Protein backbone atom coordinates (compact mmCIF):
# COMPACT_ATOMS: atom_id res chain seq x y z
CA MET A 1 0.00 0.00 0.00
CA ASP A 2 1.17 3.53 -0.74
CA LEU A 3 0.83 6.58 1.48
CA ASP A 4 1.15 9.43 -0.96
CA LEU A 5 -0.55 12.51 -2.40
CA TYR A 6 -3.58 10.44 -3.38
CA SER A 7 -4.13 8.49 -0.13
CA ALA A 8 -2.80 10.97 2.46
CA PRO A 9 -6.05 12.97 2.85
CA THR A 10 -7.99 9.79 3.66
CA VAL A 11 -5.37 8.66 6.16
CA ARG A 12 -5.20 12.12 7.72
CA GLU A 13 -8.98 12.13 8.21
CA ALA A 14 -9.07 8.57 9.57
CA LEU A 15 -6.37 9.27 12.14
CA SER A 16 -7.61 12.68 13.28
CA ASP A 17 -10.55 11.58 15.41
CA HIS A 18 -8.97 8.96 17.63
CA GLY A 19 -7.10 8.86 20.91
CA ARG A 20 -4.10 6.58 21.12
CA VAL A 21 -3.48 5.12 17.69
CA VAL A 22 -1.14 2.35 16.61
CA VAL A 23 -0.47 2.35 12.86
CA ASP A 24 0.67 -0.97 11.41
CA CYS A 25 3.10 -0.02 8.63
CA SER A 26 4.00 -3.58 7.63
CA ARG A 27 2.15 -3.32 4.30
CA LEU A 28 3.38 0.18 3.50
CA SER A 29 5.43 -0.10 0.31
CA PHE A 30 5.81 3.62 -0.51
CA ILE A 31 5.51 6.89 1.37
CA ASP A 32 6.17 10.41 0.10
CA CYS A 33 6.36 13.74 1.90
CA THR A 34 2.57 14.14 1.74
CA GLY A 35 2.14 10.80 3.50
CA LEU A 36 4.69 11.77 6.11
CA SER A 37 2.86 15.05 6.61
CA ALA A 38 -0.38 13.14 7.26
CA LEU A 39 1.33 11.00 9.91
CA LEU A 40 2.93 14.04 11.52
CA ALA A 41 -0.41 15.88 11.61
CA ALA A 42 -2.00 12.87 13.29
CA ALA A 43 0.84 12.73 15.82
CA ARG A 44 0.37 16.44 16.62
CA THR A 45 -3.38 15.97 17.02
CA ALA A 46 -2.85 12.99 19.31
CA LYS A 47 -0.32 14.90 21.41
CA ALA A 48 -2.70 17.87 21.72
CA LYS A 49 -5.33 15.44 23.06
CA GLY A 50 -2.84 14.01 25.54
CA THR A 51 -2.46 10.71 23.68
CA GLU A 52 0.03 9.36 21.19
CA LEU A 53 0.48 7.99 17.70
CA ARG A 54 2.60 4.86 17.49
CA LEU A 55 4.08 3.35 14.34
CA CYS A 56 4.85 -0.35 14.24
CA ALA A 57 6.58 -2.64 11.77
CA ILE A 58 8.01 0.26 9.79
CA SER A 59 9.65 -0.47 6.45
CA ARG A 60 13.19 0.47 5.49
CA ALA A 61 11.81 3.21 3.26
CA LEU A 62 9.80 4.76 6.08
CA ALA A 63 12.70 4.40 8.53
CA ARG A 64 14.96 6.17 6.03
CA LEU A 65 12.44 8.96 5.45
CA LEU A 66 12.03 9.48 9.20
CA ARG A 67 15.80 9.54 9.66
CA LEU A 68 16.48 11.95 6.78
CA SER A 69 13.66 14.29 7.79
CA HIS A 70 14.61 14.16 11.49
CA THR A 71 10.99 13.35 12.36
CA ALA A 72 11.32 9.94 14.03
CA GLY A 73 11.03 11.61 17.43
CA ALA A 74 7.44 12.59 16.68
CA PHE A 75 6.39 8.95 17.00
CA THR A 76 6.82 6.01 19.30
CA ILE A 77 8.11 3.24 17.06
CA GLU A 78 7.35 -0.38 17.89
CA PRO A 79 8.95 -3.32 16.10
CA GLU A 80 5.86 -5.51 15.60
CA PRO A 81 2.17 -4.91 14.98
CA THR A 82 -0.23 -5.66 17.79
CA SER A 83 -3.69 -7.18 17.64
CA ARG A 84 -5.12 -3.82 18.74
CA THR A 85 -3.92 -1.98 15.62
CA PRO A 86 -6.92 0.09 14.46
CA HIS A 87 -5.56 1.64 11.24
CA ARG A 88 -3.39 0.56 8.37
CA PRO A 89 -2.16 3.25 5.96
């Protein structure tokens, strides 16, 4: 699955109305800056509500994007998905 200019608005909307969210990234094959922006917006919204956005099972591509953009600190990153994962980008 891709998280890009086309899918980012849907993901942004889906993640905006929840408390603590764990996003299973194991099927994420591509992410661009628009997709990263959607995840960062969701993380800011969660933080403002006193909760958090967690990313799990991140791909090499996402790990690289987070590292190069210095945005990994905006998320709690978990190695494996959990059974309570409500959203998949």
